């Protein structure tokens, strides 16, 4: 089919074969050629989600660092040790 987009050749290596074997469990009616596209899209989605999670974690860490030490009288000496005493072993 004519297209102006790039095309790629993919050799079904052992790793690609494993990925396609897993993909067929998700999309059993799709031909393997279409599964390649599905796997690439799913991988891209997973990478984007990981990046969003990482960014969210960094944002929470920065927020915690900003407020850290803001309430010195709220938590007296030994407060954390007291909390830990309540934790199951």
PDB file of N, CA and C in Angstrom:
ATOM      1  N   UNK A   1       0.845  -1.174   0.000  1.00  0.00           N
ATOM      2  CA  UNK A   1       0.000   0.000   0.000  1.00  0.00           C
ATOM      3  C   UNK A   1       0.891   1.239   0.000  1.00  0.00           C
ATOM      4  N   UNK A   2       0.667   2.173  -0.893  1.00  0.00           N
ATOM      5  CA  UNK A   2       1.501   3.380  -0.959  1.00  0.00           C
ATOM      6  C   UNK A   2       1.338   4.226   0.307  1.00  0.00           C
ATOM      7  N   UNK A   3       2.437   4.801   0.742  1.00  0.00           N
ATOM      8  CA  UNK A   3       2.413   5.676   1.906  1.00  0.00           C
ATOM      9  C   UNK A   3       3.610   6.601   1.869  1.00  0.00           C
ATOM     10  N   UNK A   4       3.487   7.730   2.521  1.00  0.00           N
ATOM     11  CA  UNK A   4       4.619   8.637   2.641  1.00  0.00           C
ATOM     12  C   UNK A   4       5.334   8.421   3.975  1.00  0.00           C
ATOM     13  N   UNK A   5       4.788   7.561   4.796  1.00  0.00           N
ATOM     14  CA  UNK A   5       5.381   7.290   6.107  1.00  0.00           C
ATOM     15  C   UNK A   5       6.508   6.272   5.998  1.00  0.00           C
ATOM     16  N   UNK A   6       7.372   6.282   6.998  1.00  0.00           N
ATOM     17  CA  UNK A   6       8.471   5.323   7.032  1.00  0.00           C
ATOM     18  C   UNK A   6       7.941   3.920   7.229  1.00  0.00           C
ATOM     19  N   UNK A   7       8.653   2.977   6.677  1.00  0.00           N
ATOM     20  CA  UNK A   7       8.337   1.560   6.860  1.00  0.00           C
ATOM     21  C   UNK A   7       9.540   0.906   7.516  1.00  0.00           C
ATOM     22  N   UNK A   8       9.276  -0.153   8.265  1.00  0.00           N
ATOM     23  CA  UNK A   8      10.334  -0.868   8.965  1.00  0.00           C
ATOM     24  C   UNK A   8      10.216  -2.358   8.683  1.00  0.00           C
ATOM     25  N   UNK A   9      11.348  -3.008   8.593  1.00  0.00           N
ATOM     26  CA  UNK A   9      11.359  -4.460   8.515  1.00  0.00           C
ATOM     27  C   UNK A   9      11.674  -4.969   9.907  1.00  0.00           C
ATOM     28  N   UNK A  10      10.964  -5.982  10.342  1.00  0.00           N
ATOM     29  CA  UNK A  10      11.189  -6.560  11.657  1.00  0.00           C
ATOM     30  C   UNK A  10      11.428  -8.045  11.483  1.00  0.00           C
ATOM     31  N   UNK A  11      12.567  -8.511  11.980  1.00  0.00           N
ATOM     32  CA  UNK A  11      12.868  -9.937  11.964  1.00  0.00           C
ATOM     33  C   UNK A  11      12.310 -10.554  13.226  1.00  0.00           C
ATOM     34  N   UNK A  12      11.664 -11.681  13.102  1.00  0.00           N
ATOM     35  CA  UNK A  12      11.073 -12.330  14.276  1.00  0.00           C
ATOM     36  C   UNK A  12      12.163 -13.081  15.040  1.00  0.00           C
ATOM     37  N   UNK A  13      12.901 -12.306  15.827  1.00  0.00           N
ATOM     38  CA  UNK A  13      13.910 -12.881  16.710  1.00  0.00           C
ATOM     39  C   UNK A  13      13.207 -13.587  17.862  1.00  0.00           C
ATOM     40  N   UNK A  14      13.971 -14.232  18.733  1.00  0.00           N
ATOM     41  CA  UNK A  14      13.368 -14.902  19.885  1.00  0.00           C
ATOM     42  C   UNK A  14      12.578 -13.919  20.750  1.00  0.00           C
ATOM     43  N   UNK A  15      13.149 -12.727  20.973  1.00  0.00           N
ATOM     44  CA  UNK A  15      12.455 -11.723  21.784  1.00  0.00           C
ATOM     45  C   UNK A  15      11.181 -11.221  21.136  1.00  0.00           C
ATOM     46  N   UNK A  16      11.226 -10.990  19.837  1.00  0.00           N
ATOM     47  CA  UNK A  16      10.038 -10.548  19.109  1.00  0.00           C
ATOM     48  C   UNK A  16       8.991 -11.656  19.120  1.00  0.00           C
ATOM     49  N   UNK A  17       9.435 -12.876  18.952  1.00  0.00           N
ATOM     50  CA  UNK A  17       8.506 -14.009  18.970  1.00  0.00           C
ATOM     51  C   UNK A  17       7.802 -14.112  20.329  1.00  0.00           C
ATOM     52  N   UNK A  18       8.563 -13.955  21.413  1.00  0.00           N
ATOM     53  CA  UNK A  18       7.946 -13.996  22.757  1.00  0.00           C
ATOM     54  C   UNK A  18       6.919 -12.882  22.916  1.00  0.00           C
ATOM     55  N   UNK A  19       7.272 -11.689  22.454  1.00  0.00           N
ATOM     56  CA  UNK A  19       6.347 -10.562  22.559  1.00  0.00           C
ATOM     57  C   UNK A  19       5.070 -10.816  21.759  1.00  0.00           C
ATOM     58  N   UNK A  20       5.221 -11.371  20.565  1.00  0.00           N
ATOM     59  CA  UNK A  20       4.052 -11.660  19.736  1.00  0.00           C
ATOM     60  C   UNK A  20       3.220 -12.794  20.330  1.00  0.00           C
ATOM     61  N   UNK A  21       3.879 -13.780  20.932  1.00  0.00           N
ATOM     62  CA  UNK A  21       3.148 -14.865  21.583  1.00  0.00           C
ATOM     63  C   UNK A  21       2.320 -14.339  22.755  1.00  0.00           C
ATOM     64  N   UNK A  22       2.854 -13.359  23.474  1.00  0.00           N
ATOM     65  CA  UNK A  22       2.082 -12.735  24.552  1.00  0.00           C
ATOM     66  C   UNK A  22       0.953 -11.885  23.978  1.00  0.00           C
ATOM     67  N   UNK A  23       1.239 -11.183  22.899  1.00  0.00           N
ATOM     68  CA  UNK A  23       0.234 -10.304  22.289  1.00  0.00           C
ATOM     69  C   UNK A  23      -0.958 -11.088  21.770  1.00  0.00           C
ATOM     70  N   UNK A  24      -0.719 -12.285  21.247  1.00  0.00           N
ATOM     71  CA  UNK A  24      -1.827 -13.078  20.702  1.00  0.00           C
ATOM     72  C   UNK A  24      -2.806 -13.479  21.813  1.00  0.00           C
ATOM     73  N   UNK A  25      -2.342 -13.502  23.057  1.00  0.00           N
ATOM     74  CA  UNK A  25      -3.251 -13.779  24.184  1.00  0.00           C
ATOM     75  C   UNK A  25      -4.214 -12.607  24.394  1.00  0.00           C
ATOM     76  N   UNK A  26      -3.731 -11.402  24.114  1.00  0.00           N
ATOM     77  CA  UNK A  26      -4.562 -10.206  24.260  1.00  0.00           C
ATOM     78  C   UNK A  26      -5.470  -9.988  23.055  1.00  0.00           C
ATOM     79  N   UNK A  27      -4.929 -10.254  21.885  1.00  0.00           N
ATOM     80  CA  UNK A  27      -5.644  -9.993  20.638  1.00  0.00           C
ATOM     81  C   UNK A  27      -5.608 -11.252  19.764  1.00  0.00           C
ATOM     82  N   UNK A  28      -6.368 -12.271  20.128  1.00  0.00           N
ATOM     83  CA  UNK A  28      -6.247 -13.572  19.447  1.00  0.00           C
ATOM     84  C   UNK A  28      -6.696 -13.581  17.989  1.00  0.00           C
ATOM     85  N   UNK A  29      -7.478 -12.636  17.573  1.00  0.00           N
ATOM     86  CA  UNK A  29      -7.975 -12.650  16.188  1.00  0.00           C
ATOM     87  C   UNK A  29      -7.082 -11.868  15.228  1.00  0.00           C
ATOM     88  N   UNK A  30      -6.091 -11.171  15.763  1.00  0.00           N
ATOM     89  CA  UNK A  30      -5.221 -10.332  14.930  1.00  0.00           C
ATOM     90  C   UNK A  30      -4.127 -11.169  14.273  1.00  0.00           C
ATOM     91  N   UNK A  31      -3.805 -10.878  13.024  1.00  0.00           N
ATOM     92  CA  UNK A  31      -2.659 -11.539  12.396  1.00  0.00           C
ATOM     93  C   UNK A  31      -1.360 -11.024  13.039  1.00  0.00           C
ATOM     94  N   UNK A  32      -0.295 -11.817  12.950  1.00  0.00           N
ATOM     95  CA  UNK A  32       0.965 -11.439  13.582  1.00  0.00           C
ATOM     96  C   UNK A  32       1.492 -10.101  13.055  1.00  0.00           C
ATOM     97  N   UNK A  33       1.244  -9.798  11.808  1.00  0.00           N
ATOM     98  CA  UNK A  33       1.708  -8.513  11.264  1.00  0.00           C
ATOM     99  C   UNK A  33       1.035  -7.345  11.988  1.00  0.00           C
ATOM    100  N   UNK A  34      -0.218  -7.491  12.324  1.00  0.00           N
ATOM    101  CA  UNK A  34      -0.932  -6.440  13.063  1.00  0.00           C
ATOM    102  C   UNK A  34      -0.522  -6.443  14.534  1.00  0.00           C
ATOM    103  N   UNK A  35      -0.178  -7.620  15.067  1.00  0.00           N
ATOM    104  CA  UNK A  35       0.275  -7.703  16.456  1.00  0.00           C
ATOM    105  C   UNK A  35       1.554  -6.914  16.673  1.00  0.00           C
ATOM    106  N   UNK A  36       2.398  -6.850  15.646  1.00  0.00           N
ATOM    107  CA  UNK A  36       3.617  -6.052  15.769  1.00  0.00           C
ATOM    108  C   UNK A  36       3.257  -4.602  16.066  1.00  0.00           C
ATOM    109  N   UNK A  37       2.294  -4.078  15.350  1.00  0.00           N
ATOM    110  CA  UNK A  37       1.849  -2.698  15.585  1.00  0.00           C
ATOM    111  C   UNK A  37       1.256  -2.570  16.982  1.00  0.00           C
ATOM    112  N   UNK A  38       0.439  -3.530  17.386  1.00  0.00           N
ATOM    113  CA  UNK A  38      -0.175  -3.492  18.721  1.00  0.00           C
ATOM    114  C   UNK A  38       0.880  -3.503  19.821  1.00  0.00           C
ATOM    115  N   UNK A  39       1.888  -4.357  19.664  1.00  0.00           N
ATOM    116  CA  UNK A  39       2.950  -4.453  20.673  1.00  0.00           C
ATOM    117  C   UNK A  39       3.722  -3.140  20.758  1.00  0.00           C
ATOM    118  N   UNK A  40       4.013  -2.557  19.620  1.00  0.00           N
ATOM    119  CA  UNK A  40       4.730  -1.279  19.624  1.00  0.00           C
ATOM    120  C   UNK A  40       3.892  -0.206  20.307  1.00  0.00           C
ATOM    121  N   UNK A  41       2.608  -0.150  19.993  1.00  0.00           N
ATOM    122  CA  UNK A  41       1.738   0.853  20.618  1.00  0.00           C
ATOM    123  C   UNK A  41       1.624   0.610  22.122  1.00  0.00           C
ATOM    124  N   UNK A  42       1.462  -0.645  22.530  1.00  0.00           N
ATOM    125  CA  UNK A  42       1.355  -0.962  23.958  1.00  0.00           C
ATOM    126  C   UNK A  42       2.653  -0.608  24.677  1.00  0.00           C
ATOM    127  N   UNK A  43       3.783  -0.879  24.038  1.00  0.00           N
ATOM    128  CA  UNK A  43       5.065  -0.519  24.633  1.00  0.00           C
ATOM    129  C   UNK A  43       5.215   0.982  24.788  1.00  0.00           C
ATOM    130  N   UNK A  44       4.802   1.715  23.779  1.00  0.00           N
ATOM    131  CA  UNK A  44       4.850   3.173  23.857  1.00  0.00           C
ATOM    132  C   UNK A  44       3.954   3.709  24.963  1.00  0.00           C
ATOM    133  N   UNK A  45       2.766   3.127  25.086  1.00  0.00           N
ATOM    134  CA  UNK A  45       1.857   3.536  26.163  1.00  0.00           C
ATOM    135  C   UNK A  45       2.465   3.249  27.534  1.00  0.00           C
ATOM    136  N   UNK A  46       3.089   2.085  27.680  1.00  0.00           N
ATOM    137  CA  UNK A  46       3.708   1.708  28.958  1.00  0.00           C
ATOM    138  C   UNK A  46       4.859   2.647  29.300  1.00  0.00           C
ATOM    139  N   UNK A  47       5.664   3.003  28.311  1.00  0.00           N
ATOM    140  CA  UNK A  47       6.772   3.923  28.555  1.00  0.00           C
ATOM    141  C   UNK A  47       6.264   5.312  28.940  1.00  0.00           C
ATOM    142  N   UNK A  48       5.217   5.764  28.277  1.00  0.00           N
ATOM    143  CA  UNK A  48       4.643   7.071  28.610  1.00  0.00           C
ATOM    144  C   UNK A  48       4.069   7.068  30.017  1.00  0.00           C
ATOM    145  N   UNK A  49       3.410   5.975  30.399  1.00  0.00           N
ATOM    146  CA  UNK A  49       2.847   5.871  31.749  1.00  0.00           C
ATOM    147  C   UNK A  49       3.959   5.861  32.790  1.00  0.00           C
ATOM    148  N   UNK A  50       5.042   5.155  32.496  1.00  0.00           N
ATOM    149  CA  UNK A  50       6.167   5.118  33.433  1.00  0.00           C
ATOM    150  C   UNK A  50       6.746   6.515  33.606  1.00  0.00           C
ATOM    151  N   UNK A  51       6.830   7.265  32.522  1.00  0.00           N
ATOM    152  CA  UNK A  51       7.358   8.626  32.609  1.00  0.00           C
ATOM    153  C   UNK A  51       6.414   9.522  33.416  1.00  0.00           C
ATOM    154  N   UNK A  52       5.103   9.368  33.198  1.00  0.00           N
ATOM    155  CA  UNK A  52       4.132  10.145  33.992  1.00  0.00           C
ATOM    156  C   UNK A  52       4.245   9.792  35.473  1.00  0.00           C
ATOM    157  N   UNK A  53       4.408   8.522  35.773  1.00  0.00           N
ATOM    158  CA  UNK A  53       4.549   8.097  37.165  1.00  0.00           C
ATOM    159  C   UNK A  53       5.813   8.667  37.781  1.00  0.00           C
ATOM    160  N   UNK A  54       6.897   8.631  37.018  1.00  0.00           N
ATOM    161  CA  UNK A  54       8.173   9.171  37.498  1.00  0.00           C
ATOM    162  C   UNK A  54       8.045  10.670  37.754  1.00  0.00           C
ATOM    163  N   UNK A  55       7.381  11.375  36.840  1.00  0.00           N
ATOM    164  CA  UNK A  55       7.199  12.822  37.014  1.00  0.00           C
ATOM    165  C   UNK A  55       6.335  13.104  38.238  1.00  0.00           C
ATOM    166  N   UNK A  56       5.299  12.291  38.439  1.00  0.00           N
ATOM    167  CA  UNK A  56       4.442  12.464  39.612  1.00  0.00           C
ATOM    168  C   UNK A  56       5.197  12.210  40.899  1.00  0.00           C
ATOM    169  N   UNK A  57       6.040  11.194  40.909  1.00  0.00           N
ATOM    170  CA  UNK A  57       6.848  10.890  42.082  1.00  0.00           C
ATOM    171  C   UNK A  57       7.796  12.037  42.388  1.00  0.00           C
ATOM    172  N   UNK A  58       8.447  12.566  41.366  1.00  0.00           N
ATOM    173  CA  UNK A  58       9.355  13.688  41.576  1.00  0.00           C
ATOM    174  C   UNK A  58       8.609  14.906  42.098  1.00  0.00           C
ATOM    175  N   UNK A  59       7.408  15.128  41.589  1.00  0.00           N
ATOM    176  CA  UNK A  59       6.602  16.250  42.061  1.00  0.00           C
ATOM    177  C   UNK A  59       6.252  16.083  43.541  1.00  0.00           C
ATOM    178  N   UNK A  60       5.886  14.862  43.925  1.00  0.00           N
ATOM    179  CA  UNK A  60       5.565  14.606  45.336  1.00  0.00           C
ATOM    180  C   UNK A  60       6.794  14.758  46.221  1.00  0.00           C
ATOM    181  N   UNK A  61       7.943  14.325  45.720  1.00  0.00           N
ATOM    182  CA  UNK A  61       9.180  14.471  46.500  1.00  0.00           C
ATOM    183  C   UNK A  61       9.522  15.946  46.705  1.00  0.00           C
ATOM    184  N   UNK A  62       9.371  16.744  45.642  1.00  0.00           N
ATOM    185  CA  UNK A  62       9.656  18.174  45.772  1.00  0.00           C
ATOM    186  C   UNK A  62       8.691  18.823  46.767  1.00  0.00           C
ATOM    187  N   UNK A  63       7.418  18.432  46.714  1.00  0.00           N
ATOM    188  CA  UNK A  63       6.439  18.987  47.648  1.00  0.00           C
ATOM    189  C   UNK A  63       6.789  18.610  49.080  1.00  0.00           C
ATOM    190  N   UNK A  64       7.183  17.360  49.289  1.00  0.00           N
ATOM    191  CA  UNK A  64       7.559  16.921  50.636  1.00  0.00           C
ATOM    192  C   UNK A  64       8.793  17.678  51.117  1.00  0.00           C
ATOM    193  N   UNK A  65       9.741  17.904  50.234  1.00  0.00           N
ATOM    194  CA  UNK A  65      10.946  18.639  50.616  1.00  0.00           C
ATOM    195  C   UNK A  65      10.613  20.086  50.972  1.00  0.00           C
ATOM    196  N   UNK A  66       9.638  20.673  50.260  1.00  0.00           N
ATOM    197  CA  UNK A  66       9.241  22.062  50.537  1.00  0.00           C
ATOM    198  C   UNK A  66       8.634  22.203  51.926  1.00  0.00           C
ATOM    199  N   UNK A  67       7.823  21.235  52.326  1.00  0.00           N
ATOM    200  CA  UNK A  67       7.132  21.368  53.612  1.00  0.00           C
ATOM    201  C   UNK A  67       7.869  20.678  54.743  1.00  0.00           C
ATOM    202  N   UNK A  68       8.891  19.905  54.396  1.00  0.00           N
ATOM    203  CA  UNK A  68       9.646  19.201  55.432  1.00  0.00           C
ATOM    204  C   UNK A  68      10.193  20.176  56.468  1.00  0.00           C
ATOM    205  N   UNK A  69       9.986  19.881  57.726  1.00  0.00           N
ATOM    206  CA  UNK A  69      10.476  20.738  58.802  1.00  0.00           C
ATOM    207  C   UNK A  69       9.601  21.942  59.074  1.00  0.00           C
ATOM    208  N   UNK A  70       8.464  22.051  58.398  1.00  0.00           N
ATOM    209  CA  UNK A  70       7.590  23.209  58.578  1.00  0.00           C
ATOM    210  C   UNK A  70       6.836  23.194  59.903  1.00  0.00           C
ATOM    211  N   UNK A  71       6.704  22.043  60.491  1.00  0.00           N
ATOM    212  CA  UNK A  71       5.919  21.919  61.720  1.00  0.00           C
ATOM    213  C   UNK A  71       6.752  21.254  62.816  1.00  0.00           C
ATOM    214  N   UNK A  72       7.793  21.920  63.274  1.00  0.00           N
ATOM    215  CA  UNK A  72       8.683  21.261  64.242  1.00  0.00           C
ATOM    216  C   UNK A  72       8.015  20.950  65.577  1.00  0.00           C
ATOM    217  N   UNK A  73       7.035  21.727  65.993  1.00  0.00           N
ATOM    218  CA  UNK A  73       6.398  21.472  67.288  1.00  0.00           C
ATOM    219  C   UNK A  73       5.297  20.432  67.191  1.00  0.00           C
ATOM    220  N   UNK A  74       4.834  20.136  66.005  1.00  0.00           N
ATOM    221  CA  UNK A  74       3.745  19.169  65.847  1.00  0.00           C
ATOM    222  C   UNK A  74       4.204  17.747  66.140  1.00  0.00           C
ATOM    223  N   UNK A  75       5.463  17.481  65.928  1.00  0.00           N
ATOM    224  CA  UNK A  75       5.987  16.135  66.113  1.00  0.00           C
ATOM    225  C   UNK A  75       7.203  16.215  67.022  1.00  0.00           C
ATOM    226  N   UNK A  76       7.002  15.862  68.254  1.00  0.00           N
ATOM    227  CA  UNK A  76       8.061  15.975  69.245  1.00  0.00           C
ATOM    228  C   UNK A  76       9.121  14.895  69.107  1.00  0.00           C
ATOM    229  N   UNK A  77      10.096  14.974  69.997  1.00  0.00           N
ATOM    230  CA  UNK A  77      11.187  13.996  70.009  1.00  0.00           C
ATOM    231  C   UNK A  77      10.605  12.600  70.226  1.00  0.00           C
ATOM    232  N   UNK A  78      11.064  11.657  69.476  1.00  0.00           N
ATOM    233  CA  UNK A  78      10.614  10.277  69.628  1.00  0.00           C
ATOM    234  C   UNK A  78       9.300   9.964  68.943  1.00  0.00           C
ATOM    235  N   UNK A  79       8.730  10.929  68.217  1.00  0.00           N
ATOM    236  CA  UNK A  79       7.444  10.706  67.563  1.00  0.00           C
ATOM    237  C   UNK A  79       7.519   9.550  66.569  1.00  0.00           C
ATOM    238  N   UNK A  80       8.513   9.555  65.726  1.00  0.00           N
ATOM    239  CA  UNK A  80       8.653   8.516  64.715  1.00  0.00           C
ATOM    240  C   UNK A  80       8.907   7.155  65.365  1.00  0.00           C
ATOM    241  N   UNK A  81       9.726   7.122  66.376  1.00  0.00           N
ATOM    242  CA  UNK A  81       9.984   5.855  67.073  1.00  0.00           C
ATOM    243  C   UNK A  81       8.692   5.313  67.679  1.00  0.00           C
ATOM    244  N   UNK A  82       7.859   6.192  68.209  1.00  0.00           N
ATOM    245  CA  UNK A  82       6.573   5.770  68.758  1.00  0.00           C
ATOM    246  C   UNK A  82       5.667   5.180  67.702  1.00  0.00           C
ATOM    247  N   UNK A  83       5.656   5.776  66.523  1.00  0.00           N
ATOM    248  CA  UNK A  83       4.869   5.218  65.420  1.00  0.00           C
ATOM    249  C   UNK A  83       5.368   3.823  65.058  1.00  0.00           C
ATOM    250  N   UNK A  84       6.657   3.692  64.986  1.00  0.00           N
ATOM    251  CA  UNK A  84       7.250   2.410  64.599  1.00  0.00           C
ATOM    252  C   UNK A  84       6.958   1.319  65.633  1.00  0.00           C
ATOM    253  N   UNK A  85       6.833   1.697  66.870  1.00  0.00           N
ATOM    254  CA  UNK A  85       6.511   0.715  67.907  1.00  0.00           C
ATOM    255  C   UNK A  85       5.158   0.054  67.654  1.00  0.00           C
ATOM    256  N   UNK A  86       4.243   0.780  66.982  1.00  0.00           N
ATOM    257  CA  UNK A  86       2.924   0.252  66.692  1.00  0.00           C
ATOM    258  C   UNK A  86       2.902  -0.652  65.451  1.00  0.00           C
ATOM    259  N   UNK A  87       3.952  -0.637  64.662  1.00  0.00           N
ATOM    260  CA  UNK A  87       3.986  -1.422  63.415  1.00  0.00           C
ATOM    261  C   UNK A  87       4.133  -2.906  63.740  1.00  0.00           C
ATOM    262  N   UNK A  88       3.477  -3.747  63.001  1.00  0.00           N
ATOM    263  CA  UNK A  88       3.664  -5.191  63.187  1.00  0.00           C
ATOM    264  C   UNK A  88       5.082  -5.592  62.762  1.00  0.00           C
ATOM    265  N   UNK A  89       5.566  -6.627  63.398  1.00  0.00           N
ATOM    266  CA  UNK A  89       6.944  -7.056  63.077  1.00  0.00           C
ATOM    267  C   UNK A  89       6.998  -8.082  62.010  1.00  0.00           C
TER     268      UNK A  89
END
